N, C-alpha and C. Protein backbone atom coordinates (compact mmCIF):
# COMPACT_ATOMS: atom_id res chain seq x y z
N MET A 1 -122.51 -50.82 -76.20
CA MET A 1 -123.29 -51.03 -75.00
C MET A 1 -122.39 -51.08 -73.77
N GLY A 2 -121.19 -51.61 -73.90
CA GLY A 2 -120.27 -51.73 -72.78
C GLY A 2 -119.86 -50.37 -72.24
N ALA A 3 -119.76 -49.36 -73.13
CA ALA A 3 -119.35 -48.03 -72.70
C ALA A 3 -120.43 -47.40 -71.81
N PHE A 4 -121.70 -47.68 -72.10
CA PHE A 4 -122.78 -47.11 -71.28
C PHE A 4 -122.78 -47.72 -69.88
N LYS A 5 -122.51 -49.01 -69.79
CA LYS A 5 -122.44 -49.66 -68.48
C LYS A 5 -121.26 -49.12 -67.67
N LEU A 6 -120.14 -48.92 -68.37
CA LEU A 6 -118.96 -48.40 -67.70
C LEU A 6 -119.19 -46.96 -67.23
N GLY A 7 -119.86 -46.17 -68.04
CA GLY A 7 -120.17 -44.78 -67.67
C GLY A 7 -121.12 -44.71 -66.49
N LYS A 8 -122.12 -45.59 -66.48
CA LYS A 8 -123.08 -45.63 -65.37
C LYS A 8 -122.36 -46.00 -64.07
N MET A 9 -121.47 -47.00 -64.15
CA MET A 9 -120.74 -47.42 -62.97
C MET A 9 -119.81 -46.31 -62.48
N THR A 10 -119.20 -45.57 -63.40
CA THR A 10 -118.29 -44.50 -63.03
C THR A 10 -119.04 -43.36 -62.34
N PHE A 11 -120.17 -42.95 -62.90
CA PHE A 11 -120.94 -41.87 -62.28
C PHE A 11 -121.50 -42.29 -60.92
N LYS A 12 -121.88 -43.55 -60.81
CA LYS A 12 -122.40 -44.04 -59.54
C LYS A 12 -121.31 -43.98 -58.47
N SER A 13 -120.09 -44.36 -58.81
CA SER A 13 -119.02 -44.33 -57.82
C SER A 13 -118.55 -42.90 -57.52
N LEU A 14 -118.71 -42.00 -58.47
CA LEU A 14 -118.31 -40.60 -58.22
C LEU A 14 -119.25 -39.90 -57.25
N PHE A 15 -120.54 -40.14 -57.40
CA PHE A 15 -121.52 -39.40 -56.62
C PHE A 15 -122.18 -40.22 -55.52
N GLY A 16 -121.82 -41.47 -55.42
CA GLY A 16 -122.43 -42.33 -54.41
C GLY A 16 -121.59 -42.42 -53.15
N LYS A 17 -122.08 -43.21 -52.24
CA LYS A 17 -121.40 -43.45 -50.96
C LYS A 17 -120.19 -44.37 -51.20
N PRO A 18 -119.05 -44.12 -50.55
CA PRO A 18 -117.89 -44.98 -50.77
C PRO A 18 -118.11 -46.40 -50.25
N GLU A 19 -117.46 -47.35 -50.88
CA GLU A 19 -117.60 -48.75 -50.51
C GLU A 19 -116.71 -49.14 -49.33
N THR A 20 -115.66 -48.37 -49.09
CA THR A 20 -114.71 -48.73 -48.05
C THR A 20 -114.93 -47.91 -46.79
N LEU A 21 -114.30 -48.33 -45.71
CA LEU A 21 -114.38 -47.64 -44.43
C LEU A 21 -112.98 -47.21 -43.99
N LEU A 22 -112.91 -46.20 -43.17
CA LEU A 22 -111.65 -45.83 -42.54
C LEU A 22 -111.50 -46.72 -41.32
N TYR A 23 -110.74 -47.83 -41.46
CA TYR A 23 -110.78 -48.92 -40.49
C TYR A 23 -110.52 -48.56 -39.03
N PRO A 24 -109.45 -47.90 -38.68
CA PRO A 24 -109.29 -47.71 -37.23
C PRO A 24 -110.39 -46.84 -36.62
N VAL A 25 -110.94 -45.94 -37.42
CA VAL A 25 -111.95 -45.03 -36.90
C VAL A 25 -113.33 -45.67 -36.97
N GLN A 26 -113.65 -46.29 -38.08
CA GLN A 26 -114.95 -46.91 -38.28
C GLN A 26 -114.78 -48.42 -38.39
N THR A 27 -115.73 -49.16 -37.86
CA THR A 27 -115.71 -50.61 -37.98
C THR A 27 -117.05 -51.09 -38.52
N LYS A 28 -117.01 -52.19 -39.24
CA LYS A 28 -118.23 -52.78 -39.77
C LYS A 28 -118.98 -53.48 -38.65
N THR A 29 -120.28 -53.53 -38.77
CA THR A 29 -121.06 -54.32 -37.82
C THR A 29 -120.89 -55.79 -38.21
N PRO A 30 -120.67 -56.65 -37.25
CA PRO A 30 -120.45 -58.07 -37.58
C PRO A 30 -121.71 -58.69 -38.15
N PRO A 31 -121.57 -59.58 -39.12
CA PRO A 31 -122.76 -60.25 -39.67
C PRO A 31 -123.38 -61.19 -38.65
N SER A 32 -124.65 -61.46 -38.82
CA SER A 32 -125.33 -62.35 -37.87
C SER A 32 -124.77 -63.76 -38.01
N GLY A 33 -124.61 -64.42 -36.88
CA GLY A 33 -124.09 -65.77 -36.88
C GLY A 33 -122.57 -65.86 -36.89
N LEU A 34 -121.89 -64.72 -36.78
CA LEU A 34 -120.43 -64.74 -36.77
C LEU A 34 -119.93 -65.37 -35.48
N LYS A 35 -119.03 -66.31 -35.61
CA LYS A 35 -118.41 -66.94 -34.45
C LYS A 35 -117.04 -66.31 -34.28
N GLY A 36 -116.94 -65.35 -33.41
CA GLY A 36 -115.70 -64.60 -33.26
C GLY A 36 -114.72 -65.24 -32.31
N HIS A 37 -115.01 -65.24 -31.02
CA HIS A 37 -114.11 -65.86 -30.04
C HIS A 37 -114.88 -66.27 -28.80
N VAL A 38 -114.31 -67.18 -28.06
CA VAL A 38 -114.93 -67.72 -26.85
C VAL A 38 -114.53 -66.86 -25.66
N THR A 39 -115.49 -66.52 -24.82
CA THR A 39 -115.20 -65.82 -23.57
C THR A 39 -115.76 -66.63 -22.42
N ASN A 40 -115.10 -66.51 -21.29
CA ASN A 40 -115.50 -67.24 -20.09
C ASN A 40 -115.87 -66.24 -19.01
N HIS A 41 -117.06 -66.39 -18.45
CA HIS A 41 -117.48 -65.58 -17.31
C HIS A 41 -117.06 -66.37 -16.07
N VAL A 42 -115.88 -66.05 -15.57
CA VAL A 42 -115.23 -66.88 -14.55
C VAL A 42 -115.96 -66.91 -13.22
N THR A 43 -116.83 -65.95 -12.96
CA THR A 43 -117.53 -65.95 -11.68
C THR A 43 -118.50 -67.12 -11.55
N SER A 44 -119.00 -67.63 -12.67
CA SER A 44 -119.93 -68.76 -12.60
C SER A 44 -119.29 -70.08 -13.02
N CYS A 45 -118.01 -70.07 -13.37
CA CYS A 45 -117.31 -71.29 -13.79
C CYS A 45 -117.01 -72.17 -12.57
N ILE A 46 -117.24 -73.48 -12.71
CA ILE A 46 -116.98 -74.41 -11.61
C ILE A 46 -115.76 -75.29 -11.89
N LEU A 47 -115.05 -75.02 -12.97
CA LEU A 47 -113.84 -75.76 -13.36
C LEU A 47 -114.11 -77.26 -13.50
N CYS A 48 -115.22 -77.61 -14.13
CA CYS A 48 -115.57 -79.02 -14.29
C CYS A 48 -114.70 -79.70 -15.34
N GLY A 49 -114.24 -78.96 -16.34
CA GLY A 49 -113.37 -79.52 -17.36
C GLY A 49 -114.08 -80.15 -18.54
N ILE A 50 -115.39 -80.06 -18.59
CA ILE A 50 -116.14 -80.65 -19.70
C ILE A 50 -115.80 -79.94 -21.00
N CYS A 51 -115.61 -78.63 -20.95
CA CYS A 51 -115.27 -77.88 -22.16
C CYS A 51 -113.93 -78.34 -22.72
N ALA A 52 -112.97 -78.63 -21.86
CA ALA A 52 -111.66 -79.09 -22.31
C ALA A 52 -111.75 -80.50 -22.90
N LYS A 53 -112.60 -81.34 -22.32
CA LYS A 53 -112.74 -82.71 -22.83
C LYS A 53 -113.45 -82.74 -24.18
N ARG A 54 -114.40 -81.84 -24.38
CA ARG A 54 -115.19 -81.85 -25.61
C ARG A 54 -114.53 -81.06 -26.75
N CYS A 55 -113.55 -80.24 -26.46
CA CYS A 55 -112.91 -79.41 -27.48
C CYS A 55 -112.19 -80.31 -28.50
N PRO A 56 -112.57 -80.26 -29.79
CA PRO A 56 -111.97 -81.17 -30.76
C PRO A 56 -110.51 -80.85 -31.10
N CYS A 57 -110.05 -79.67 -30.81
CA CYS A 57 -108.66 -79.31 -31.13
C CYS A 57 -107.82 -79.05 -29.90
N ALA A 58 -108.30 -79.41 -28.73
CA ALA A 58 -107.56 -79.30 -27.47
C ALA A 58 -107.05 -77.88 -27.23
N ALA A 59 -107.90 -76.90 -27.44
CA ALA A 59 -107.50 -75.50 -27.26
C ALA A 59 -107.73 -75.03 -25.83
N ILE A 60 -108.51 -75.75 -25.04
CA ILE A 60 -108.85 -75.32 -23.68
C ILE A 60 -108.14 -76.21 -22.67
N GLU A 61 -107.59 -75.57 -21.63
CA GLU A 61 -106.97 -76.30 -20.54
C GLU A 61 -107.56 -75.81 -19.23
N VAL A 62 -107.94 -76.75 -18.37
CA VAL A 62 -108.51 -76.43 -17.07
C VAL A 62 -107.59 -77.03 -16.01
N ASP A 63 -107.12 -76.17 -15.10
CA ASP A 63 -106.26 -76.64 -14.01
C ASP A 63 -106.98 -76.36 -12.70
N LYS A 64 -107.46 -77.42 -12.07
CA LYS A 64 -108.22 -77.27 -10.83
C LYS A 64 -107.34 -76.91 -9.64
N GLN A 65 -106.08 -77.34 -9.67
CA GLN A 65 -105.17 -77.06 -8.55
C GLN A 65 -104.90 -75.56 -8.43
N THR A 66 -104.58 -74.91 -9.53
CA THR A 66 -104.28 -73.47 -9.50
C THR A 66 -105.52 -72.63 -9.79
N ARG A 67 -106.66 -73.28 -10.05
CA ARG A 67 -107.93 -72.62 -10.35
C ARG A 67 -107.80 -71.68 -11.54
N THR A 68 -107.26 -72.19 -12.65
CA THR A 68 -107.12 -71.40 -13.87
C THR A 68 -107.82 -72.09 -15.04
N TRP A 69 -108.33 -71.28 -15.93
CA TRP A 69 -108.96 -71.73 -17.17
C TRP A 69 -108.24 -70.99 -18.29
N SER A 70 -107.69 -71.70 -19.26
CA SER A 70 -106.95 -71.03 -20.33
C SER A 70 -107.37 -71.57 -21.68
N ILE A 71 -107.25 -70.70 -22.68
CA ILE A 71 -107.60 -71.06 -24.06
C ILE A 71 -106.49 -70.58 -24.98
N ASN A 72 -106.12 -71.44 -25.90
CA ASN A 72 -105.15 -71.10 -26.93
C ASN A 72 -105.94 -70.64 -28.15
N ARG A 73 -105.97 -69.36 -28.39
CA ARG A 73 -106.80 -68.79 -29.46
C ARG A 73 -106.31 -69.21 -30.85
N PHE A 74 -105.04 -69.57 -30.98
CA PHE A 74 -104.53 -69.99 -32.27
C PHE A 74 -104.92 -71.42 -32.61
N ARG A 75 -105.29 -72.21 -31.61
CA ARG A 75 -105.76 -73.57 -31.85
C ARG A 75 -107.27 -73.63 -32.02
N CYS A 76 -107.98 -72.70 -31.42
CA CYS A 76 -109.44 -72.71 -31.43
C CYS A 76 -109.98 -72.49 -32.84
N VAL A 77 -110.93 -73.33 -33.25
CA VAL A 77 -111.53 -73.21 -34.58
C VAL A 77 -112.96 -72.64 -34.51
N GLN A 78 -113.35 -72.11 -33.38
CA GLN A 78 -114.65 -71.48 -33.16
C GLN A 78 -115.82 -72.37 -33.55
N CYS A 79 -115.75 -73.63 -33.17
CA CYS A 79 -116.84 -74.56 -33.49
C CYS A 79 -118.02 -74.40 -32.55
N GLY A 80 -117.78 -73.91 -31.33
CA GLY A 80 -118.86 -73.69 -30.37
C GLY A 80 -119.23 -74.91 -29.55
N THR A 81 -118.48 -75.99 -29.64
CA THR A 81 -118.78 -77.20 -28.87
C THR A 81 -118.67 -76.93 -27.38
N CYS A 82 -117.65 -76.19 -26.99
CA CYS A 82 -117.46 -75.90 -25.56
C CYS A 82 -118.62 -75.08 -25.01
N VAL A 83 -119.16 -74.18 -25.82
CA VAL A 83 -120.28 -73.34 -25.38
C VAL A 83 -121.53 -74.19 -25.18
N ARG A 84 -121.76 -75.11 -26.09
CA ARG A 84 -122.94 -75.98 -25.98
C ARG A 84 -122.84 -76.96 -24.82
N GLU A 85 -121.63 -77.43 -24.50
CA GLU A 85 -121.45 -78.46 -23.49
C GLU A 85 -121.30 -77.93 -22.07
N CYS A 86 -121.09 -76.64 -21.89
CA CYS A 86 -120.87 -76.08 -20.55
C CYS A 86 -122.13 -76.22 -19.70
N PRO A 87 -122.06 -76.89 -18.53
CA PRO A 87 -123.26 -77.08 -17.72
C PRO A 87 -123.73 -75.80 -17.03
N LYS A 88 -122.85 -74.84 -16.81
CA LYS A 88 -123.22 -73.59 -16.14
C LYS A 88 -123.45 -72.44 -17.11
N GLN A 89 -123.32 -72.67 -18.40
CA GLN A 89 -123.46 -71.64 -19.44
C GLN A 89 -122.59 -70.42 -19.17
N CYS A 90 -121.37 -70.65 -18.70
CA CYS A 90 -120.46 -69.53 -18.45
C CYS A 90 -119.60 -69.22 -19.67
N LEU A 91 -119.65 -70.06 -20.71
CA LEU A 91 -118.92 -69.79 -21.96
C LEU A 91 -119.87 -69.23 -23.00
N THR A 92 -119.42 -68.21 -23.71
CA THR A 92 -120.21 -67.62 -24.78
C THR A 92 -119.33 -67.36 -25.99
N MET A 93 -119.95 -67.29 -27.15
CA MET A 93 -119.24 -66.92 -28.38
C MET A 93 -119.55 -65.46 -28.66
N GLU A 94 -118.55 -64.62 -28.53
CA GLU A 94 -118.71 -63.19 -28.81
C GLU A 94 -118.59 -62.95 -30.31
N PRO A 95 -119.44 -62.11 -30.89
CA PRO A 95 -119.41 -61.90 -32.34
C PRO A 95 -118.36 -60.87 -32.78
N THR A 96 -117.22 -60.85 -32.14
CA THR A 96 -116.14 -59.96 -32.55
C THR A 96 -114.86 -60.78 -32.66
N TYR A 97 -113.97 -60.31 -33.49
CA TYR A 97 -112.70 -61.00 -33.64
C TYR A 97 -111.75 -60.58 -32.54
N THR A 98 -110.79 -61.44 -32.25
CA THR A 98 -109.73 -61.06 -31.32
C THR A 98 -108.76 -60.14 -32.03
N SER A 99 -108.06 -59.33 -31.28
CA SER A 99 -107.12 -58.40 -31.90
C SER A 99 -105.93 -59.16 -32.45
N PRO A 100 -105.34 -58.70 -33.54
CA PRO A 100 -104.19 -59.39 -34.12
C PRO A 100 -103.01 -59.40 -33.16
N ALA A 101 -102.22 -60.47 -33.22
CA ALA A 101 -101.06 -60.60 -32.34
C ALA A 101 -99.86 -61.08 -33.14
N THR A 102 -98.68 -60.74 -32.67
CA THR A 102 -97.46 -61.17 -33.35
C THR A 102 -96.89 -62.44 -32.73
N LYS A 103 -97.34 -62.79 -31.53
CA LYS A 103 -96.85 -63.99 -30.85
C LYS A 103 -98.03 -64.84 -30.42
N LYS A 104 -97.78 -66.14 -30.35
CA LYS A 104 -98.80 -67.05 -29.83
C LYS A 104 -98.80 -66.96 -28.32
N TYR A 105 -99.98 -66.92 -27.75
CA TYR A 105 -100.09 -66.82 -26.30
C TYR A 105 -101.37 -67.50 -25.84
N LEU A 106 -101.41 -67.82 -24.57
CA LEU A 106 -102.60 -68.39 -23.95
C LEU A 106 -103.34 -67.30 -23.20
N ASP A 107 -104.64 -67.27 -23.35
CA ASP A 107 -105.46 -66.39 -22.52
C ASP A 107 -105.81 -67.19 -21.27
N THR A 108 -105.28 -66.77 -20.13
CA THR A 108 -105.50 -67.49 -18.89
C THR A 108 -106.34 -66.64 -17.95
N PHE A 109 -107.36 -67.28 -17.38
CA PHE A 109 -108.25 -66.60 -16.46
C PHE A 109 -108.19 -67.31 -15.11
N GLU A 110 -108.06 -66.56 -14.05
CA GLU A 110 -108.09 -67.13 -12.71
C GLU A 110 -109.54 -67.15 -12.24
N VAL A 111 -110.00 -68.31 -11.85
CA VAL A 111 -111.37 -68.48 -11.39
C VAL A 111 -111.40 -68.26 -9.89
N PRO A 112 -112.17 -67.26 -9.44
CA PRO A 112 -112.22 -67.02 -7.99
C PRO A 112 -112.94 -68.14 -7.26
N GLU A 113 -112.51 -68.37 -6.05
CA GLU A 113 -113.12 -69.41 -5.24
C GLU A 113 -114.45 -68.90 -4.71
N THR A 114 -115.47 -69.71 -4.78
CA THR A 114 -116.78 -69.31 -4.29
C THR A 114 -116.78 -69.36 -2.77
N PRO A 115 -117.54 -68.50 -2.10
CA PRO A 115 -117.56 -68.49 -0.64
C PRO A 115 -118.00 -69.82 -0.04
N LYS A 116 -118.96 -70.49 -0.67
CA LYS A 116 -119.44 -71.76 -0.15
C LYS A 116 -118.35 -72.83 -0.25
N ALA A 117 -117.62 -72.86 -1.35
CA ALA A 117 -116.55 -73.83 -1.53
C ALA A 117 -115.39 -73.53 -0.57
N ALA A 118 -115.14 -72.25 -0.30
CA ALA A 118 -114.07 -71.89 0.62
C ALA A 118 -114.43 -72.32 2.05
N ALA A 119 -115.71 -72.17 2.41
CA ALA A 119 -116.14 -72.58 3.76
C ALA A 119 -116.04 -74.09 3.91
N ASN A 120 -116.42 -74.85 2.87
CA ASN A 120 -116.32 -76.31 2.92
C ASN A 120 -114.87 -76.76 3.02
N ALA A 121 -113.98 -76.07 2.33
CA ALA A 121 -112.57 -76.42 2.35
C ALA A 121 -111.97 -76.18 3.74
N SER A 122 -112.39 -75.08 4.41
CA SER A 122 -111.86 -74.79 5.74
C SER A 122 -112.40 -75.78 6.77
N GLU A 123 -113.66 -76.22 6.59
CA GLU A 123 -114.23 -77.22 7.51
C GLU A 123 -113.54 -78.57 7.34
N ASP A 124 -113.20 -78.92 6.11
CA ASP A 124 -112.51 -80.18 5.85
C ASP A 124 -111.10 -80.14 6.43
N ALA A 125 -110.46 -78.98 6.41
CA ALA A 125 -109.11 -78.86 6.94
C ALA A 125 -109.11 -78.99 8.47
N LYS A 126 -110.18 -78.51 9.11
CA LYS A 126 -110.28 -78.60 10.57
C LYS A 126 -110.54 -80.04 11.03
N ALA A 127 -111.26 -80.80 10.22
CA ALA A 127 -111.63 -82.17 10.62
C ALA A 127 -110.53 -83.16 10.48
């Protein structure tokens, strides 16, 4: 009986669709619910720092002085806490993996100053 099962499996693999993909050319569609990596839409970020405070592994750093938001992808465990806690919903979990890297690095994003905040800052400087 084992020979018939082996023969069936062999003929199926000979005439069927291959199980593997040519990776650089073809990619698999990500499964639903995949937590790939965190992205920040910096145009709506207010640099409140709640995401950095709530991050259980301290992967996010917010610097209000230089107006930068950075994430250490090697520390991030993709729990999604920062995405849930963001008051402006500027953080999202993208369902794709980050590209492989040979060195540890920080992804740093410069948050542009909003026109309203810039006007308030210039009025405060004049007073």
